[in-house]
Every structure is written in C-alpha cells, then in structure tokens.
Amino acid sequence: MPRDVTLLWGLRSPCAFACPHCYFGTIEEHKGNLPQQAGVLSHLSRADLTAPTLTAFARTLTGSPVERVIIAGGEPLDWPATLGIISLIKGAGCQVVIATNGIPLTRPHIVEQLLALGVDGVSVSLDSADADTNDTMRPSRSGRFGYHDVLAGISALLKARGDRPGPRVGIYTVVTRSRPQEITDVARLAADIGVDYYVPQPVSLPSDHQLFDALSHTPADVASVGAHLERLYADPHGLALPDPSYLQRFVAAISTQDSGHVPDCFGGARLYFVQPDGSLWDCPSDRRIAATAPEHQRTIRGGDARTLFAARPTCTNCSLFSRDCVNMWPLVLDMPRLLNTGVPR
C-alpha cells in the first residue's frame, strides 16, 4: 500500500489569537449562536475529540497510506496532549509539520520537545512585516502577545535547532487586497531571521463574510499581486518557495470568485482534512465540504487509518474550485520541496 496521503489534522479549536479572517470564525459572532452546519468551525466548539479518542486514531497510522500529517488548530501547541499525539504519529513513520501562531515557541520546553520528537517542519503564521499591521490582523485576545513574540519564538526554535537538519522552519502569510507588498516584505523579513521556507497565500473568505469586500482580492488586483509574486520568485532571498507554477495558481485564483473546475485534483485522493470534532473530509475547501452529502460524511472517531484511506481514486475532477484550493496545493505537492534539507539557505 503506497504512503501518499497528506492529512491536515485540526486537533483543537481554541486559539489565543482573534484573527478576524480566521476560518474558525470569531468568538463574538458565535457567542449564543454556535454554528451547527456540518464543516463549519468555531473556537467555542464543545465537540473537540478527547485525547484518548485522538490517541486511538493516531495508533492506527502505522501501516496506513498516510505519509504526512499537518497538525493545525486552533493552536495545537497550547494543548499538552498534542506532544504525545505527535510522538505516536512520528512512531508510525509519518512526517509531521506543525502549523502554529508561534507564541508556544517562546516556551523552552515546547521547543525542546519538538526537537526531541523529530518534527519535520514548523510553519508559523505571520501576516505582515510591520508589527502594528500584523497585530491588527492577528490580535491577541489577552493583548499580551504579538508580532515581536512570534519573531522571538521563531528565533528560539532556530537557535535550539542549531546545525541540525530539522525541523525546517517556515512562515505562512495571508495576503489581503490592500497589502500586496507583504508578499515581498515578509519574504525579506523571513530571510533576515533565517527561516527556511515561505508561502504567501491569498485570503479566502466566503462572499457573505463581513470582511469580504475589504480583504478579498478582485480581478483589478491581479496586476499588483502578480508583480510582487514575480519579484519574489526572481529573488527568493535563499528561501525555499512552492514550485514556480504556484505563481500562476495564485494569480488565477484571485482572478475570479466563481466556482471553477479543477482537473486531476488530489482532494479525496491524496489530501484529507480532519476537524477537531473528528469529521473527516476529502478536502479542506469550504465548497467541497458543503457539497458533501450527509450519507458520505465520515469521522475518525473509532476509525482506522488503514481502512479509512484504503479505497481512493487516483485523482478526481472537481467542479468546486475556490481560493482554498490554492492554499492546499503546497501541503501536498510542494511540501517535499519545502522540507528538503538540501535546499541552501
């Protein structure tokens, strides 16, 4: 059985940040009105699976088709049980990449454990090279943390890693329509602090989101975004980037908000998404999730990875393209490139 599945696994719902563009929504909009629709996430969810249930599933990854697990949240490293689950995943022979807001990396015991467990990659969210702008886009709920703490966490991990090959450390940036310059500005910052890889992503919001008009790109933004992407790929500052074809995918995605066709898509063939409540989806795209019939909805609760991913198409032709699709591409096709320790810094 080939090991070619990437699992994007959202372990926990809570997060200490209150990003208004978060795909979990905001606490303010969910207070007293917790979403009930399948696939809709909330930081206030009371349905997150327990540690024993998650541990039981993680134990089934041995001998399964799962090659790589992207641990996400909420903020996964704020939950002590995450480290034990990572240990099981690594013990199953899978690659592990942590998606984090970066604040837990300021805690020495977290960094020590990530190194000891042999985590392959740590992807840190940072949306601006300007401290005030970043902290407006990614505000701390308590007001105690922000841009400078994120950079301190990245630096602590890189220092502790020393000359070891891993984990590879990267920055992910959500690019909004008013700040295309972040594509190149954050790249320069990333290179200056010594990270290994960098992935700018187009913001992905449903059309009824209150910030859709303010943040989402329109076809009129293609020229400025495309220019910054071309500058980035012309001079990546020594950073590993997604394959150059990502530039065209990024630009094509922001050229329309309509659902489109994705030939030979890997969603449901090589990429799956697990929500904190255990719901298992063929793809993280909101359009794909919304189109999943109730009788086809699955869960990892009580499940076995050796059978859940056993029967898979080689690829799928999907008519539910969204900007989420662009954001998923590096998780599957580009991650080996981003984690390649042979890429010079």
Protein backbone atom coordinates (compact mmCIF):
# COMPACT_ATOMS: atom_id res chain seq x y z
CA MET A 1 0.00 0.00 0.00
CA PRO A 2 1.65 3.31 -1.09
CA ARG A 3 2.07 6.03 1.52
CA ASP A 4 0.97 9.14 -0.37
CA VAL A 5 -1.78 10.70 1.75
CA THR A 6 -1.40 14.10 3.41
CA LEU A 7 -3.66 14.59 6.42
CA LEU A 8 -4.43 18.16 7.51
CA TRP A 9 -5.47 17.49 11.12
CA GLY A 10 -7.04 20.25 13.17
CA LEU A 11 -6.53 18.91 16.69
CA ARG A 12 -8.08 21.64 18.79
CA SER A 13 -10.45 24.60 18.33
CA PRO A 14 -9.20 27.19 20.91
CA CYS A 15 -6.60 29.81 19.98
CA ALA A 16 -5.17 32.78 21.87
CA PHE A 17 -5.42 34.95 18.76
CA ALA A 18 -8.57 36.55 17.36
CA CYS A 19 -7.79 36.91 13.67
CA PRO A 20 -10.91 38.38 12.04
CA HIS A 21 -10.26 36.43 8.81
CA CYS A 22 -9.80 33.06 10.60
CA TYR A 23 -11.58 30.09 9.04
CA PHE A 24 -12.84 29.25 12.56
CA GLY A 25 -14.84 32.46 12.59
CA THR A 26 -14.79 34.78 15.60
CA ILE A 27 -15.87 34.23 19.18
CA GLU A 28 -18.01 37.37 19.04
CA GLU A 29 -20.14 36.10 16.16
CA HIS A 30 -20.52 32.64 17.73
CA LYS A 31 -21.45 33.68 21.28
CA GLY A 32 -25.01 32.49 21.78
CA ASN A 33 -25.17 31.37 18.16
CA LEU A 34 -22.80 28.45 17.78
CA PRO A 35 -22.84 27.23 14.15
CA GLN A 36 -24.49 23.87 13.62
CA GLN A 37 -23.78 23.29 9.93
CA ALA A 38 -21.53 20.38 9.04
CA GLY A 39 -17.98 21.52 8.42
CA VAL A 40 -18.36 24.99 9.97
CA LEU A 41 -15.74 25.56 12.66
CA SER A 42 -15.77 27.58 15.87
CA HIS A 43 -13.18 28.41 18.52
CA LEU A 44 -16.01 27.81 21.02
CA SER A 45 -16.66 24.25 19.91
CA ARG A 46 -17.51 21.85 22.72
CA ALA A 47 -17.23 18.84 20.44
CA ASP A 48 -13.44 18.53 20.17
CA LEU A 49 -12.41 14.91 20.47
CA THR A 50 -10.80 13.82 23.70
CA ALA A 51 -7.14 12.87 23.99
CA PRO A 52 -7.90 9.11 24.31
CA THR A 53 -10.00 9.19 21.12
CA LEU A 54 -7.33 11.06 19.20
CA THR A 55 -4.63 8.78 20.56
CA ALA A 56 -6.56 5.70 19.48
CA PHE A 57 -6.76 7.00 15.92
CA ALA A 58 -3.10 8.04 15.86
CA ARG A 59 -2.12 4.48 16.77
CA THR A 60 -3.75 3.24 13.53
CA LEU A 61 -1.48 5.35 11.31
CA THR A 62 1.17 2.61 11.33
CA GLY A 63 0.88 0.70 8.08
CA SER A 64 -1.67 3.18 6.68
CA PRO A 65 -1.45 5.20 3.43
CA VAL A 66 -0.78 8.39 5.45
CA GLU A 67 2.65 9.79 4.61
CA ARG A 68 2.45 13.23 6.19
CA VAL A 69 0.37 14.88 8.92
CA ILE A 70 -0.01 18.65 9.15
CA ILE A 71 -1.00 19.39 12.76
CA ALA A 72 -3.16 22.51 12.92
CA GLY A 73 -5.79 24.12 15.12
CA GLY A 74 -6.84 26.46 16.61
CA GLU A 75 -3.44 26.47 18.24
CA PRO A 76 -2.30 22.85 18.67
CA LEU A 77 0.75 23.57 20.83
CA ASP A 78 -1.35 25.16 23.57
CA TRP A 79 -2.78 21.70 24.34
CA PRO A 80 -0.38 19.45 26.35
CA ALA A 81 -1.76 16.25 24.78
CA THR A 82 -0.57 17.37 21.33
CA LEU A 83 3.03 16.36 22.06
CA GLY A 84 2.01 12.80 22.91
CA ILE A 85 -0.03 12.56 19.71
CA ILE A 86 2.92 13.86 17.69
CA SER A 87 5.06 11.13 19.25
CA LEU A 88 2.62 8.48 18.06
CA ILE A 89 2.46 9.94 14.56
CA LYS A 90 6.24 10.01 14.27
CA GLY A 91 6.39 6.49 15.66
CA ALA A 92 4.06 5.44 12.83
CA GLY A 93 6.67 6.59 10.31
CA CYS A 94 4.84 9.73 9.17
CA GLN A 95 6.25 13.17 8.57
CA VAL A 96 4.87 15.82 10.95
CA VAL A 97 4.54 19.53 10.22
CA ILE A 98 3.16 21.85 12.92
CA ALA A 99 1.08 24.89 11.91
CA THR A 100 1.32 27.35 14.80
CA ASN A 101 0.79 31.01 15.65
CA GLY A 102 4.36 30.97 17.00
CA ILE A 103 3.69 32.01 20.59
CA PRO A 104 4.19 28.49 22.08
CA LEU A 105 7.71 28.52 20.61
CA THR A 106 8.68 31.08 23.25
CA ARG A 107 8.30 28.30 25.86
CA PRO A 108 11.60 26.37 26.08
CA HIS A 109 10.01 23.02 26.94
CA ILE A 110 7.88 23.15 23.78
CA VAL A 111 10.92 23.77 21.58
CA GLU A 112 12.89 21.03 23.34
CA GLN A 113 10.09 18.53 22.81
CA LEU A 114 9.64 19.38 19.12
CA LEU A 115 13.34 18.77 18.58
CA ALA A 116 13.34 15.57 20.62
CA LEU A 117 10.31 14.23 18.73
CA GLY A 118 11.96 14.85 15.36
CA VAL A 119 9.23 17.08 13.96
CA ASP A 120 9.92 17.67 10.27
CA GLY A 121 8.53 21.17 9.83
CA VAL A 122 7.13 24.11 11.78
CA SER A 123 5.00 26.59 9.81
CA VAL A 124 4.43 29.90 11.62
CA SER A 125 1.68 32.38 10.70
CA LEU A 126 2.78 35.99 10.22
CA ASP A 127 0.70 38.32 8.05
CA SER A 128 2.82 41.45 7.88
CA ALA A 129 6.41 42.59 8.16
CA ASP A 130 5.10 45.63 10.04
CA ALA A 131 4.41 44.99 13.73
CA ASP A 132 1.33 47.18 14.06
CA THR A 133 -0.25 45.88 10.86
CA ASN A 134 0.36 42.27 11.84
CA ASP A 135 -1.07 42.77 15.31
CA THR A 136 -4.18 44.39 13.82
CA MET A 137 -4.68 41.41 11.52
CA ARG A 138 -3.72 38.89 14.19
CA PRO A 139 -4.74 40.42 17.55
CA SER A 140 -4.08 38.62 20.81
CA ARG A 141 -7.25 38.02 22.80
CA SER A 142 -5.45 38.97 26.02
CA GLY A 143 -3.39 41.75 24.48
CA ARG A 144 -0.27 40.10 25.92
CA PHE A 145 1.23 38.66 22.73
CA GLY A 146 2.02 39.84 19.25
CA TYR A 147 4.46 40.28 16.39
CA HIS A 148 7.62 40.54 18.49
CA ASP A 149 6.74 37.39 20.46
CA VAL A 150 6.19 35.48 17.21
CA LEU A 151 9.63 36.51 15.97
CA ALA A 152 11.12 35.61 19.35
CA GLY A 153 9.55 32.16 19.13
CA ILE A 154 10.92 31.56 15.64
CA SER A 155 14.37 32.70 16.73
CA ALA A 156 14.26 30.44 19.80
CA LEU A 157 13.46 27.41 17.64
CA LEU A 158 16.15 28.20 15.10
CA LYS A 159 18.74 28.74 17.84
CA ALA A 160 17.84 25.49 19.59
CA ARG A 161 17.96 23.62 16.27
CA GLY A 162 21.49 24.81 15.64
CA ASP A 163 23.16 22.90 12.81
CA ARG A 164 20.69 20.00 12.90
CA PRO A 165 18.79 19.44 9.65
CA GLY A 166 15.34 19.78 11.19
CA PRO A 167 12.81 20.83 11.81
CA ARG A 168 12.59 23.06 8.78
CA VAL A 169 11.01 26.36 9.80
CA GLY A 170 8.77 28.46 7.58
CA ILE A 171 6.42 31.42 7.52
CA TYR A 172 2.93 31.45 6.02
CA THR A 173 1.42 34.83 5.14
CA VAL A 174 -2.23 35.56 4.35
CA VAL A 175 -2.21 38.24 1.65
CA THR A 176 -5.10 40.70 1.52
CA ARG A 177 -6.11 43.04 -1.29
CA SER A 178 -4.85 46.24 0.37
CA ARG A 179 -1.34 44.93 1.11
CA PRO A 180 0.15 43.01 -1.84
CA GLN A 181 3.56 44.31 -0.75
CA GLU A 182 3.53 41.83 2.13
CA ILE A 183 4.40 39.13 -0.42
CA THR A 184 7.90 40.57 -0.78
CA ASP A 185 8.18 42.40 2.55
CA VAL A 186 7.58 39.27 4.65
CA ALA A 187 9.95 37.30 2.40
CA ARG A 188 12.76 39.74 3.21
CA LEU A 189 11.94 39.53 6.91
CA ALA A 190 11.84 35.73 6.76
CA ALA A 191 15.26 35.64 5.13
CA ASP A 192 16.67 38.11 7.64
CA ILE A 193 15.64 35.99 10.64
CA GLY A 194 16.90 32.80 8.98
CA VAL A 195 13.81 30.70 8.26
CA ASP A 196 13.93 28.03 5.59
CA TYR A 197 10.71 28.35 3.58
CA TYR A 198 7.98 30.86 2.83
CA VAL A 199 4.44 30.56 1.49
CA PRO A 200 2.24 33.60 0.73
CA GLN A 201 -1.46 32.71 0.43
CA PRO A 202 -4.48 34.58 -0.93
CA VAL A 203 -7.05 35.33 1.76
CA SER A 204 -10.04 33.00 1.36
CA LEU A 205 -13.37 34.25 2.67
CA PRO A 206 -16.96 33.32 1.78
CA SER A 207 -18.79 36.04 -0.13
CA ASP A 208 -21.11 36.73 2.81
CA HIS A 209 -18.24 37.36 5.25
CA GLN A 210 -18.36 40.84 6.78
CA LEU A 211 -14.76 41.49 5.67
CA PHE A 212 -15.11 40.04 2.18
CA ASP A 213 -15.17 43.38 0.34
CA ALA A 214 -12.35 44.83 2.44
CA LEU A 215 -9.93 41.90 2.30
CA SER A 216 -10.70 39.69 -0.70
CA HIS A 217 -8.96 40.26 -3.99
CA THR A 218 -10.78 41.23 -7.16
CA PRO A 219 -9.62 40.89 -10.78
CA ALA A 220 -8.43 44.51 -10.53
CA ASP A 221 -5.79 43.38 -8.01
CA VAL A 222 -4.18 40.83 -10.32
CA ALA A 223 -1.55 43.17 -11.73
CA SER A 224 -0.16 44.34 -8.37
CA VAL A 225 -0.26 40.90 -6.79
CA GLY A 226 1.32 39.32 -9.85
CA ALA A 227 4.12 41.89 -9.85
CA HIS A 228 5.06 41.16 -6.23
CA LEU A 229 4.93 37.41 -6.84
CA GLU A 230 7.23 37.78 -9.84
CA ARG A 231 9.68 39.78 -7.72
CA LEU A 232 9.58 37.11 -5.05
CA TYR A 233 10.36 34.30 -7.47
CA ALA A 234 13.02 36.38 -9.22
CA ASP A 235 14.78 36.88 -5.88
CA PRO A 236 13.62 34.43 -3.18
CA HIS A 237 16.40 35.58 -0.79
CA GLY A 238 17.55 31.98 -0.34
CA LEU A 239 14.13 30.81 0.86
CA ALA A 240 12.51 27.62 -0.36
CA LEU A 241 9.24 28.53 -2.12
CA PRO A 242 6.43 26.48 -3.63
CA ASP A 243 7.05 25.34 -7.20
CA PRO A 244 7.07 28.30 -9.64
CA SER A 245 3.72 27.11 -11.01
CA TYR A 246 2.25 28.33 -7.69
CA LEU A 247 2.61 31.88 -9.01
CA GLN A 248 0.17 31.14 -11.83
CA ARG A 249 -2.23 29.32 -9.48
CA PHE A 250 -2.24 32.25 -7.04
CA VAL A 251 -2.97 34.78 -9.81
CA ALA A 252 -5.62 32.58 -11.42
CA ALA A 253 -7.36 32.14 -8.07
CA ILE A 254 -7.75 35.85 -7.38
CA SER A 255 -8.99 36.49 -10.91
CA THR A 256 -12.44 35.20 -10.01
CA GLN A 257 -14.65 34.36 -7.05
CA ASP A 258 -16.72 31.91 -9.04
CA SER A 259 -16.55 28.18 -8.52
CA GLY A 260 -14.44 26.62 -11.22
CA HIS A 261 -13.11 23.29 -12.45
CA VAL A 262 -10.01 21.60 -11.02
CA PRO A 263 -8.80 18.78 -13.28
CA ASP A 264 -7.00 15.88 -11.60
CA CYS A 265 -7.48 17.34 -8.12
CA PHE A 266 -5.81 15.48 -5.26
CA GLY A 267 -8.62 16.19 -2.76
CA GLY A 268 -10.03 12.83 -1.74
CA ALA A 269 -7.13 11.04 -3.37
CA ARG A 270 -4.04 12.37 -1.60
CA LEU A 271 -5.38 15.09 0.73
CA TYR A 272 -7.86 14.80 3.62
CA PHE A 273 -8.97 17.19 6.34
CA VAL A 274 -9.86 16.24 9.93
CA GLN A 275 -11.71 18.77 12.06
CA PRO A 276 -11.32 18.93 15.85
CA ASP A 277 -14.64 17.08 16.27
CA GLY A 278 -13.25 14.22 14.17
CA SER A 279 -15.17 14.98 10.98
CA LEU A 280 -13.20 13.66 8.02
CA TRP A 281 -13.45 15.46 4.68
CA ASP A 282 -11.96 14.77 1.27
CA CYS A 283 -10.68 18.33 1.14
CA PRO A 284 -10.49 21.45 3.36
CA SER A 285 -12.26 23.59 0.74
CA ASP A 286 -15.48 25.07 2.12
CA ARG A 287 -17.25 24.44 -1.19
CA ARG A 288 -16.22 20.79 -1.24
CA ILE A 289 -17.34 20.30 2.37
CA ALA A 290 -20.70 22.00 1.78
CA ALA A 291 -21.32 19.76 -1.22
CA THR A 292 -20.68 16.52 0.70
CA ALA A 293 -23.93 14.61 1.08
CA PRO A 294 -24.81 13.55 4.66
CA GLU A 295 -24.51 9.87 3.77
CA HIS A 296 -20.90 10.46 2.66
CA GLN A 297 -19.80 12.32 5.79
CA ARG A 298 -17.24 10.40 7.83
CA THR A 299 -15.34 10.63 11.12
CA ILE A 300 -12.09 9.38 12.61
CA ARG A 301 -13.90 8.64 15.87
CA GLY A 302 -13.42 4.90 16.33
CA GLY A 303 -11.87 4.79 12.84
CA ASP A 304 -8.78 3.10 11.48
CA ALA A 305 -6.48 4.97 9.08
CA ARG A 306 -5.58 1.68 7.41
CA THR A 307 -9.15 1.32 6.15
CA LEU A 308 -10.41 4.92 6.02
CA PHE A 309 -7.93 5.77 3.25
CA ALA A 310 -7.66 2.35 1.61
CA ALA A 311 -10.08 2.85 -1.30
CA ARG A 312 -9.06 6.06 -3.09
CA PRO A 313 -9.26 7.32 -6.67
CA THR A 314 -6.02 8.14 -8.43
CA CYS A 315 -7.30 11.70 -8.77
CA THR A 316 -10.61 13.49 -9.01
CA ASN A 317 -12.12 16.05 -11.35
CA CYS A 318 -13.65 18.69 -9.11
CA SER A 319 -16.10 21.41 -10.13
CA LEU A 320 -15.85 23.20 -6.77
CA PHE A 321 -12.74 25.34 -7.14
CA SER A 322 -12.21 28.05 -4.53
CA ARG A 323 -9.25 30.06 -3.24
CA ASP A 324 -8.91 27.38 -0.57
CA CYS A 325 -7.64 25.12 -3.34
CA VAL A 326 -4.60 27.34 -3.91
CA ASN A 327 -3.82 27.29 -0.19
CA MET A 328 -3.96 23.49 -0.11
CA TRP A 329 -1.57 22.93 -3.01
CA PRO A 330 1.67 23.44 -1.06
CA LEU A 331 0.52 20.96 1.62
CA VAL A 332 0.61 18.10 -0.88
CA LEU A 333 2.72 18.79 -3.94
CA ASP A 334 5.18 21.33 -2.55
CA MET A 335 5.82 20.11 0.99
CA PRO A 336 8.67 17.77 -0.02
CA ARG A 337 10.34 20.78 -1.65
CA LEU A 338 9.80 22.98 1.41
CA LEU A 339 11.11 20.31 3.78
CA ASN A 340 14.13 19.46 1.64
CA THR A 341 17.10 19.97 3.92
CA GLY A 342 19.34 20.08 0.86
CA VAL A 343 17.97 23.45 -0.22
CA PRO A 344 20.65 26.01 0.70
CA ARG A 345 19.83 28.95 2.96
